[in-house]
Amino acid sequence: MPNEKYRPFAPTREWKNALCEWDRQHTEAQQREARALAELDALRPTLIARIPNGWWEDSFRLQPSPSEQRGHKCGDKEMLTVVAYDITDHKRLAKVAKVCEDYGVRVQYSIFECRLETDQFDRFWAKLHEIIDTDTDRLISYKVCAACARDIRTAGTMTTHQKVIAYVF
């Protein structure tokens, strides 16, 4: 006796009617979309003529970076900063080195390269000031703009903040 549960599917009249209705609606939707695209193509020259020159620049102005706000013409959001120090006490020297390692990459014994935004650099510099003795120790930093940073030259074994593509000798 065959199992009634697994008999082959036989489409009913309601199923066929539903499929025909779906096909009709789908065809109508495609026709409406084609008409709308044709109308848009007809309006395109009129719409383009209404767009004023410079609308993109006016709509999406670049905000000045922190460096630019401080008056540095070619400043980036993030600038390369070279930090060097001369610390007389060994304990303070270790603390200053640790703080510098948290913010940058050591390129010489007492010189670090840091790529920091202005706010980050200000926090970094304040931490260094808390550690040093201003009567005997010395800190110095140089900010290097992006255009100038591309012209940095190194030779020999060197650790830098970015991947070195080639050494120039």
N, C-alpha and C. Protein backbone atom coordinates (compact mmCIF):
# COMPACT_ATOMS: atom_id res chain seq x y z
N MET A 1 0.85 -1.18 0.00
CA MET A 1 0.00 0.00 0.00
C MET A 1 0.89 1.24 0.00
N PRO A 2 0.76 2.09 -1.01
CA PRO A 2 1.62 3.27 -1.09
C PRO A 2 1.33 4.26 0.03
N ASN A 3 2.39 4.95 0.42
CA ASN A 3 2.27 5.92 1.50
C ASN A 3 1.63 7.19 0.94
N GLU A 4 0.53 7.62 1.50
CA GLU A 4 -0.22 8.79 1.01
C GLU A 4 0.55 10.09 1.26
N LYS A 5 1.46 10.06 2.21
CA LYS A 5 2.19 11.25 2.59
C LYS A 5 3.11 11.75 1.46
N TYR A 6 3.63 10.85 0.65
CA TYR A 6 4.64 11.20 -0.34
C TYR A 6 4.14 11.12 -1.78
N ARG A 7 2.96 11.50 -2.06
CA ARG A 7 2.49 11.46 -3.44
C ARG A 7 3.00 12.67 -4.21
N PRO A 8 3.13 12.57 -5.51
CA PRO A 8 3.66 13.68 -6.32
C PRO A 8 2.75 14.89 -6.27
N PHE A 9 3.41 16.09 -6.44
CA PHE A 9 2.68 17.35 -6.39
C PHE A 9 1.89 17.54 -7.69
N ALA A 10 0.65 17.90 -7.52
CA ALA A 10 -0.20 18.17 -8.68
C ALA A 10 -0.74 19.58 -8.51
N PRO A 11 -0.36 20.52 -9.40
CA PRO A 11 -0.83 21.89 -9.25
C PRO A 11 -2.34 21.99 -9.36
N THR A 12 -2.88 22.81 -8.49
CA THR A 12 -4.33 23.02 -8.51
C THR A 12 -4.65 24.26 -9.34
N ARG A 13 -5.95 24.45 -9.59
CA ARG A 13 -6.38 25.60 -10.37
C ARG A 13 -6.05 26.90 -9.63
N GLU A 14 -6.20 26.93 -8.28
CA GLU A 14 -5.87 28.15 -7.52
C GLU A 14 -4.39 28.48 -7.63
N TRP A 15 -3.57 27.43 -7.60
CA TRP A 15 -2.12 27.64 -7.70
C TRP A 15 -1.77 28.23 -9.07
N LYS A 16 -2.37 27.69 -10.14
CA LYS A 16 -2.11 28.19 -11.49
C LYS A 16 -2.59 29.63 -11.62
N ASN A 17 -3.76 29.95 -11.05
CA ASN A 17 -4.29 31.31 -11.10
C ASN A 17 -3.37 32.29 -10.35
N ALA A 18 -2.87 31.87 -9.19
CA ALA A 18 -1.97 32.72 -8.40
C ALA A 18 -0.67 32.98 -9.17
N LEU A 19 -0.15 31.96 -9.83
CA LEU A 19 1.07 32.11 -10.62
C LEU A 19 0.85 33.07 -11.80
N CYS A 20 -0.27 32.96 -12.46
CA CYS A 20 -0.59 33.86 -13.58
C CYS A 20 -0.74 35.30 -13.08
N GLU A 21 -1.37 35.48 -11.92
CA GLU A 21 -1.55 36.83 -11.35
C GLU A 21 -0.20 37.44 -11.00
N TRP A 22 0.69 36.65 -10.39
CA TRP A 22 2.02 37.14 -10.04
C TRP A 22 2.77 37.55 -11.31
N ASP A 23 2.69 36.75 -12.36
CA ASP A 23 3.37 37.05 -13.62
C ASP A 23 2.84 38.34 -14.23
N ARG A 24 1.53 38.54 -14.18
CA ARG A 24 0.93 39.76 -14.71
C ARG A 24 1.41 40.99 -13.93
N GLN A 25 1.42 40.90 -12.59
CA GLN A 25 1.87 42.02 -11.76
C GLN A 25 3.35 42.32 -11.99
N HIS A 26 4.15 41.28 -12.13
CA HIS A 26 5.57 41.45 -12.37
C HIS A 26 5.82 42.16 -13.71
N THR A 27 5.08 41.78 -14.73
CA THR A 27 5.21 42.40 -16.06
C THR A 27 4.79 43.86 -16.00
N GLU A 28 3.71 44.16 -15.27
CA GLU A 28 3.26 45.55 -15.14
C GLU A 28 4.30 46.39 -14.41
N ALA A 29 4.93 45.83 -13.37
CA ALA A 29 5.95 46.55 -12.63
C ALA A 29 7.15 46.86 -13.52
N GLN A 30 7.54 45.91 -14.36
CA GLN A 30 8.66 46.14 -15.28
C GLN A 30 8.31 47.23 -16.28
N GLN A 31 7.07 47.26 -16.75
CA GLN A 31 6.64 48.28 -17.71
C GLN A 31 6.63 49.67 -17.05
N ARG A 32 6.15 49.75 -15.78
CA ARG A 32 6.16 51.02 -15.05
C ARG A 32 7.59 51.53 -14.87
N GLU A 33 8.50 50.63 -14.52
CA GLU A 33 9.90 51.01 -14.33
C GLU A 33 10.51 51.53 -15.63
N ALA A 34 10.21 50.87 -16.74
CA ALA A 34 10.73 51.31 -18.04
C ALA A 34 10.18 52.70 -18.40
N ARG A 35 8.89 52.96 -18.12
CA ARG A 35 8.31 54.28 -18.39
C ARG A 35 8.97 55.35 -17.52
N ALA A 36 9.20 55.04 -16.25
CA ALA A 36 9.82 56.01 -15.34
C ALA A 36 11.25 56.33 -15.79
N LEU A 37 12.00 55.34 -16.22
CA LEU A 37 13.36 55.58 -16.71
C LEU A 37 13.35 56.42 -17.98
N ALA A 38 12.38 56.19 -18.86
CA ALA A 38 12.27 56.98 -20.08
C ALA A 38 11.95 58.44 -19.74
N GLU A 39 11.06 58.67 -18.77
CA GLU A 39 10.73 60.03 -18.35
C GLU A 39 11.95 60.72 -17.74
N LEU A 40 12.72 59.99 -16.93
CA LEU A 40 13.92 60.54 -16.32
C LEU A 40 14.95 60.90 -17.38
N ASP A 41 15.12 60.06 -18.38
CA ASP A 41 16.05 60.36 -19.46
C ASP A 41 15.62 61.62 -20.21
N ALA A 42 14.31 61.81 -20.37
CA ALA A 42 13.82 63.01 -21.06
C ALA A 42 14.07 64.26 -20.22
N LEU A 43 14.01 64.15 -18.87
CA LEU A 43 14.22 65.29 -17.98
C LEU A 43 15.69 65.58 -17.69
N ARG A 44 16.56 64.63 -17.94
CA ARG A 44 17.97 64.75 -17.56
C ARG A 44 18.63 66.05 -18.04
N PRO A 45 18.51 66.45 -19.32
CA PRO A 45 19.15 67.71 -19.75
C PRO A 45 18.65 68.92 -18.97
N THR A 46 17.35 68.95 -18.65
CA THR A 46 16.79 70.07 -17.89
C THR A 46 17.36 70.09 -16.48
N LEU A 47 17.46 68.90 -15.85
CA LEU A 47 17.98 68.82 -14.49
C LEU A 47 19.45 69.22 -14.42
N ILE A 48 20.23 68.76 -15.38
CA ILE A 48 21.66 69.07 -15.39
C ILE A 48 21.88 70.56 -15.60
N ALA A 49 21.05 71.20 -16.43
CA ALA A 49 21.20 72.62 -16.68
C ALA A 49 20.93 73.44 -15.42
N ARG A 50 20.16 72.91 -14.47
CA ARG A 50 19.81 73.64 -13.25
C ARG A 50 20.89 73.54 -12.17
N ILE A 51 21.83 72.63 -12.31
CA ILE A 51 22.86 72.45 -11.29
C ILE A 51 23.90 73.56 -11.42
N PRO A 52 24.08 74.38 -10.39
CA PRO A 52 25.04 75.49 -10.49
C PRO A 52 26.48 74.98 -10.46
N ASN A 53 27.37 75.72 -11.11
CA ASN A 53 28.78 75.38 -11.07
C ASN A 53 29.30 75.49 -9.64
N GLY A 54 30.18 74.56 -9.26
CA GLY A 54 30.78 74.58 -7.93
C GLY A 54 29.89 74.04 -6.83
N TRP A 55 28.77 73.40 -7.18
CA TRP A 55 27.86 72.91 -6.14
C TRP A 55 28.52 71.86 -5.27
N TRP A 56 29.38 71.02 -5.85
CA TRP A 56 30.02 69.95 -5.07
C TRP A 56 30.95 70.55 -4.02
N GLU A 57 31.78 71.50 -4.44
CA GLU A 57 32.71 72.14 -3.52
C GLU A 57 31.98 72.88 -2.41
N ASP A 58 30.89 73.55 -2.77
CA ASP A 58 30.11 74.28 -1.77
C ASP A 58 29.44 73.33 -0.78
N SER A 59 29.02 72.18 -1.27
CA SER A 59 28.31 71.24 -0.41
C SER A 59 29.24 70.46 0.51
N PHE A 60 30.45 70.17 0.03
CA PHE A 60 31.35 69.31 0.79
C PHE A 60 32.69 70.00 1.01
N ARG A 61 32.68 71.07 1.73
CA ARG A 61 33.92 71.80 2.03
C ARG A 61 34.76 70.99 3.01
N LEU A 62 36.08 71.01 2.80
CA LEU A 62 37.00 70.33 3.71
C LEU A 62 37.16 71.18 4.96
N GLN A 63 37.05 70.54 6.10
CA GLN A 63 37.25 71.23 7.36
C GLN A 63 38.75 71.40 7.59
N PRO A 64 39.20 72.54 8.11
CA PRO A 64 40.63 72.70 8.36
C PRO A 64 41.10 71.73 9.44
N SER A 65 42.28 71.19 9.24
CA SER A 65 42.85 70.26 10.21
C SER A 65 43.32 71.03 11.44
N PRO A 66 43.59 70.34 12.57
CA PRO A 66 44.10 71.04 13.74
C PRO A 66 45.38 71.81 13.44
N SER A 67 46.24 71.24 12.60
CA SER A 67 47.49 71.93 12.24
C SER A 67 47.19 73.20 11.46
N GLU A 68 46.24 73.12 10.53
CA GLU A 68 45.86 74.29 9.75
C GLU A 68 45.22 75.35 10.64
N GLN A 69 44.44 74.93 11.64
CA GLN A 69 43.82 75.87 12.55
C GLN A 69 44.86 76.62 13.37
N ARG A 70 46.00 75.95 13.61
CA ARG A 70 47.07 76.59 14.37
C ARG A 70 47.99 77.41 13.47
N GLY A 71 47.66 77.49 12.17
CA GLY A 71 48.42 78.35 11.28
C GLY A 71 49.45 77.65 10.41
N HIS A 72 49.52 76.34 10.44
CA HIS A 72 50.47 75.63 9.58
C HIS A 72 49.81 75.39 8.24
N LYS A 73 50.32 76.01 7.19
CA LYS A 73 49.66 75.99 5.89
C LYS A 73 49.50 74.60 5.32
N CYS A 74 50.54 73.80 5.36
CA CYS A 74 50.45 72.48 4.71
C CYS A 74 50.22 71.39 5.74
N GLY A 75 49.57 71.71 6.84
CA GLY A 75 49.33 70.74 7.89
C GLY A 75 48.36 69.66 7.46
N ASP A 76 48.53 68.52 8.04
CA ASP A 76 47.66 67.38 7.82
C ASP A 76 46.88 67.16 9.10
N LYS A 77 45.89 66.28 9.04
CA LYS A 77 45.18 65.93 10.27
C LYS A 77 46.18 65.31 11.23
N GLU A 78 47.09 64.54 10.68
CA GLU A 78 48.11 63.86 11.47
C GLU A 78 49.45 64.30 10.92
N MET A 79 50.38 64.72 11.78
CA MET A 79 51.67 65.17 11.30
C MET A 79 52.78 64.33 11.89
N LEU A 80 53.85 64.22 11.14
CA LEU A 80 55.06 63.58 11.63
C LEU A 80 55.74 64.57 12.56
N THR A 81 56.09 64.10 13.75
CA THR A 81 56.80 64.93 14.71
C THR A 81 58.04 64.17 15.14
N VAL A 82 59.18 64.84 15.09
CA VAL A 82 60.43 64.26 15.56
C VAL A 82 60.67 64.80 16.95
N VAL A 83 60.84 63.90 17.91
CA VAL A 83 61.05 64.29 19.30
C VAL A 83 62.43 63.78 19.73
N ALA A 84 63.21 64.68 20.30
CA ALA A 84 64.54 64.31 20.81
C ALA A 84 64.65 64.77 22.26
N TYR A 85 65.47 64.08 23.04
CA TYR A 85 65.63 64.46 24.43
C TYR A 85 67.06 64.19 24.90
N ASP A 86 67.42 64.93 25.97
CA ASP A 86 68.70 64.75 26.65
C ASP A 86 68.36 64.81 28.14
N ILE A 87 68.34 63.66 28.79
CA ILE A 87 67.91 63.55 30.17
C ILE A 87 69.12 63.17 31.04
N THR A 88 69.32 63.88 32.16
CA THR A 88 70.52 63.67 32.99
C THR A 88 70.37 62.53 33.99
N ASP A 89 69.16 62.23 34.44
CA ASP A 89 68.94 61.19 35.45
C ASP A 89 68.47 59.90 34.78
N HIS A 90 69.05 58.76 35.18
CA HIS A 90 68.72 57.48 34.54
C HIS A 90 67.26 57.06 34.76
N LYS A 91 66.70 57.33 35.94
CA LYS A 91 65.30 56.97 36.19
C LYS A 91 64.36 57.79 35.30
N ARG A 92 64.61 59.10 35.23
CA ARG A 92 63.79 59.95 34.37
C ARG A 92 63.98 59.58 32.90
N LEU A 93 65.21 59.22 32.53
CA LEU A 93 65.50 58.80 31.17
C LEU A 93 64.65 57.60 30.78
N ALA A 94 64.56 56.61 31.67
CA ALA A 94 63.76 55.41 31.40
C ALA A 94 62.27 55.77 31.28
N LYS A 95 61.79 56.66 32.14
CA LYS A 95 60.38 57.06 32.09
C LYS A 95 60.06 57.82 30.80
N VAL A 96 60.94 58.75 30.40
CA VAL A 96 60.74 59.51 29.16
C VAL A 96 60.75 58.56 27.97
N ALA A 97 61.70 57.62 27.95
CA ALA A 97 61.78 56.66 26.84
C ALA A 97 60.50 55.84 26.76
N LYS A 98 59.98 55.41 27.90
CA LYS A 98 58.75 54.61 27.92
C LYS A 98 57.57 55.39 27.35
N VAL A 99 57.43 56.66 27.74
CA VAL A 99 56.34 57.48 27.23
C VAL A 99 56.51 57.67 25.72
N CYS A 100 57.73 57.93 25.26
CA CYS A 100 57.97 58.11 23.83
C CYS A 100 57.65 56.83 23.05
N GLU A 101 57.99 55.68 23.62
CA GLU A 101 57.67 54.41 22.95
C GLU A 101 56.17 54.19 22.83
N ASP A 102 55.39 54.73 23.77
CA ASP A 102 53.93 54.62 23.71
C ASP A 102 53.34 55.45 22.58
N TYR A 103 54.05 56.49 22.15
CA TYR A 103 53.51 57.40 21.14
C TYR A 103 54.22 57.34 19.79
N GLY A 104 55.39 56.74 19.72
CA GLY A 104 56.12 56.77 18.47
C GLY A 104 57.09 55.62 18.32
N VAL A 105 58.00 55.77 17.37
CA VAL A 105 58.98 54.74 17.05
C VAL A 105 60.37 55.32 17.27
N ARG A 106 61.22 54.57 17.96
CA ARG A 106 62.58 55.02 18.19
C ARG A 106 63.38 54.90 16.89
N VAL A 107 64.03 56.00 16.47
CA VAL A 107 64.87 55.97 15.28
C VAL A 107 66.35 56.14 15.63
N GLN A 108 66.64 56.67 16.79
CA GLN A 108 67.99 56.76 17.35
C GLN A 108 67.83 56.59 18.86
N TYR A 109 68.93 56.57 19.61
CA TYR A 109 68.84 56.33 21.04
C TYR A 109 67.91 57.30 21.75
N SER A 110 67.97 58.58 21.43
CA SER A 110 67.11 59.56 22.09
C SER A 110 66.23 60.32 21.12
N ILE A 111 65.92 59.71 19.98
CA ILE A 111 65.10 60.39 18.96
C ILE A 111 63.96 59.47 18.54
N PHE A 112 62.76 60.03 18.51
CA PHE A 112 61.56 59.27 18.14
C PHE A 112 60.82 59.99 17.01
N GLU A 113 60.21 59.19 16.13
CA GLU A 113 59.27 59.70 15.14
C GLU A 113 57.86 59.36 15.61
N CYS A 114 57.00 60.34 15.62
CA CYS A 114 55.61 60.14 16.06
C CYS A 114 54.68 60.70 15.00
N ARG A 115 53.64 59.97 14.66
CA ARG A 115 52.60 60.48 13.77
C ARG A 115 51.36 60.66 14.62
N LEU A 116 51.10 61.91 14.97
CA LEU A 116 50.04 62.21 15.92
C LEU A 116 49.20 63.39 15.46
N GLU A 117 47.93 63.36 15.85
CA GLU A 117 47.09 64.53 15.67
C GLU A 117 47.47 65.53 16.75
N THR A 118 47.05 66.76 16.58
CA THR A 118 47.45 67.83 17.49
C THR A 118 47.07 67.53 18.93
N ASP A 119 45.86 67.04 19.15
CA ASP A 119 45.41 66.75 20.52
C ASP A 119 46.26 65.65 21.16
N GLN A 120 46.56 64.61 20.38
CA GLN A 120 47.39 63.52 20.90
C GLN A 120 48.78 64.04 21.24
N PHE A 121 49.34 64.87 20.37
CA PHE A 121 50.68 65.40 20.62
C PHE A 121 50.68 66.25 21.89
N ASP A 122 49.65 67.06 22.09
CA ASP A 122 49.58 67.90 23.29
C ASP A 122 49.57 67.05 24.56
N ARG A 123 48.82 65.93 24.55
CA ARG A 123 48.81 65.03 25.72
C ARG A 123 50.19 64.40 25.92
N PHE A 124 50.81 63.96 24.84
CA PHE A 124 52.15 63.36 24.87
C PHE A 124 53.16 64.35 25.44
N TRP A 125 53.14 65.58 24.95
CA TRP A 125 54.08 66.60 25.39
C TRP A 125 53.87 66.93 26.87
N ALA A 126 52.62 66.98 27.31
CA ALA A 126 52.33 67.25 28.73
C ALA A 126 52.87 66.14 29.63
N LYS A 127 52.74 64.88 29.18
CA LYS A 127 53.30 63.76 29.96
C LYS A 127 54.80 63.88 30.09
N LEU A 128 55.47 64.25 28.99
CA LEU A 128 56.93 64.42 29.04
C LEU A 128 57.32 65.55 30.00
N HIS A 129 56.57 66.65 29.98
CA HIS A 129 56.86 67.77 30.87
C HIS A 129 56.71 67.40 32.34
N GLU A 130 55.78 66.50 32.65
CA GLU A 130 55.60 66.05 34.03
C GLU A 130 56.80 65.27 34.54
N ILE A 131 57.52 64.62 33.64
CA ILE A 131 58.63 63.74 34.03
C ILE A 131 59.95 64.50 34.13
N ILE A 132 60.23 65.40 33.22
CA ILE A 132 61.57 65.99 33.15
C ILE A 132 61.82 67.02 34.24
N ASP A 133 63.09 67.28 34.48
CA ASP A 133 63.53 68.38 35.34
C ASP A 133 63.95 69.50 34.39
N THR A 134 63.19 70.58 34.37
CA THR A 134 63.42 71.64 33.39
C THR A 134 64.75 72.37 33.61
N ASP A 135 65.38 72.20 34.77
CA ASP A 135 66.66 72.86 35.01
C ASP A 135 67.83 72.08 34.40
N THR A 136 67.70 70.75 34.30
CA THR A 136 68.83 69.95 33.81
C THR A 136 68.54 69.14 32.55
N ASP A 137 67.28 68.87 32.23
CA ASP A 137 66.93 68.04 31.08
C ASP A 137 66.49 68.91 29.90
N ARG A 138 66.47 68.29 28.72
CA ARG A 138 66.07 69.04 27.54
C ARG A 138 65.19 68.17 26.64
N LEU A 139 64.10 68.76 26.16
CA LEU A 139 63.20 68.13 25.17
C LEU A 139 63.10 69.07 23.98
N ILE A 140 63.00 68.48 22.80
CA ILE A 140 62.79 69.30 21.61
C ILE A 140 61.94 68.50 20.63
N SER A 141 61.05 69.18 19.92
CA SER A 141 60.23 68.50 18.91
C SER A 141 60.21 69.35 17.65
N TYR A 142 60.16 68.66 16.52
CA TYR A 142 60.07 69.30 15.21
C TYR A 142 58.87 68.70 14.49
N LYS A 143 57.96 69.54 14.06
CA LYS A 143 56.83 69.06 13.26
C LYS A 143 57.23 69.12 11.79
N VAL A 144 56.92 68.05 11.08
CA VAL A 144 57.29 67.94 9.67
C VAL A 144 55.99 67.76 8.88
N CYS A 145 55.74 68.68 7.94
CA CYS A 145 54.51 68.58 7.16
C CYS A 145 54.56 67.38 6.22
N ALA A 146 53.42 66.97 5.70
CA ALA A 146 53.32 65.78 4.85
C ALA A 146 54.19 65.90 3.60
N ALA A 147 54.21 67.08 3.00
CA ALA A 147 55.01 67.26 1.79
C ALA A 147 56.50 67.10 2.09
N CYS A 148 56.93 67.65 3.21
CA CYS A 148 58.35 67.55 3.58
C CYS A 148 58.69 66.14 4.05
N ALA A 149 57.76 65.46 4.69
CA ALA A 149 58.02 64.10 5.20
C ALA A 149 58.29 63.13 4.06
N ARG A 150 57.71 63.41 2.88
CA ARG A 150 57.96 62.53 1.73
C ARG A 150 59.41 62.62 1.25
N ASP A 151 60.12 63.68 1.65
CA ASP A 151 61.49 63.89 1.18
C ASP A 151 62.53 63.52 2.24
N ILE A 152 62.12 62.79 3.28
CA ILE A 152 63.07 62.36 4.31
C ILE A 152 63.98 61.29 3.72
N ARG A 153 65.26 61.43 3.99
CA ARG A 153 66.24 60.45 3.49
C ARG A 153 66.89 59.74 4.66
N THR A 154 67.09 58.45 4.50
CA THR A 154 67.76 57.67 5.53
C THR A 154 68.82 56.80 4.87
N ALA A 155 69.79 56.34 5.66
CA ALA A 155 70.82 55.45 5.16
C ALA A 155 71.21 54.49 6.26
N GLY A 156 71.63 53.30 5.89
CA GLY A 156 72.05 52.31 6.88
C GLY A 156 70.87 51.65 7.54
N THR A 157 71.14 51.00 8.65
CA THR A 157 70.06 50.32 9.37
C THR A 157 69.29 51.37 10.14
N MET A 158 68.00 51.38 9.92
CA MET A 158 67.18 52.46 10.45
C MET A 158 65.79 51.93 10.72
N THR A 159 65.21 52.32 11.82
CA THR A 159 63.82 52.02 12.11
C THR A 159 63.04 53.29 11.87
N THR A 160 62.01 53.21 11.05
CA THR A 160 61.19 54.38 10.79
C THR A 160 59.73 54.06 11.06
N HIS A 161 58.95 55.09 11.10
CA HIS A 161 57.52 54.94 11.40
C HIS A 161 56.78 54.32 10.23
N GLN A 162 57.28 54.48 9.01
CA GLN A 162 56.62 53.91 7.84
C GLN A 162 57.55 52.89 7.21
N LYS A 163 56.98 52.05 6.38
CA LYS A 163 57.78 51.08 5.65
C LYS A 163 58.73 51.82 4.71
N VAL A 164 59.97 51.39 4.70
CA VAL A 164 60.95 51.99 3.81
C VAL A 164 60.90 51.22 2.50
N ILE A 165 60.71 51.94 1.42
CA ILE A 165 60.66 51.31 0.11
C ILE A 165 62.07 51.09 -0.42
N ALA A 166 62.95 52.08 -0.24
CA ALA A 166 64.32 51.95 -0.73
C ALA A 166 65.22 52.84 0.11
N TYR A 167 66.42 52.40 0.31
CA TYR A 167 67.43 53.22 0.97
C TYR A 167 68.22 53.95 -0.10
N VAL A 168 68.50 55.22 0.11
CA VAL A 168 69.27 56.01 -0.84
C VAL A 168 70.67 56.19 -0.26
N PHE A 169 71.67 55.80 -1.01
CA PHE A 169 73.05 55.92 -0.54
C PHE A 169 73.79 56.95 -1.33
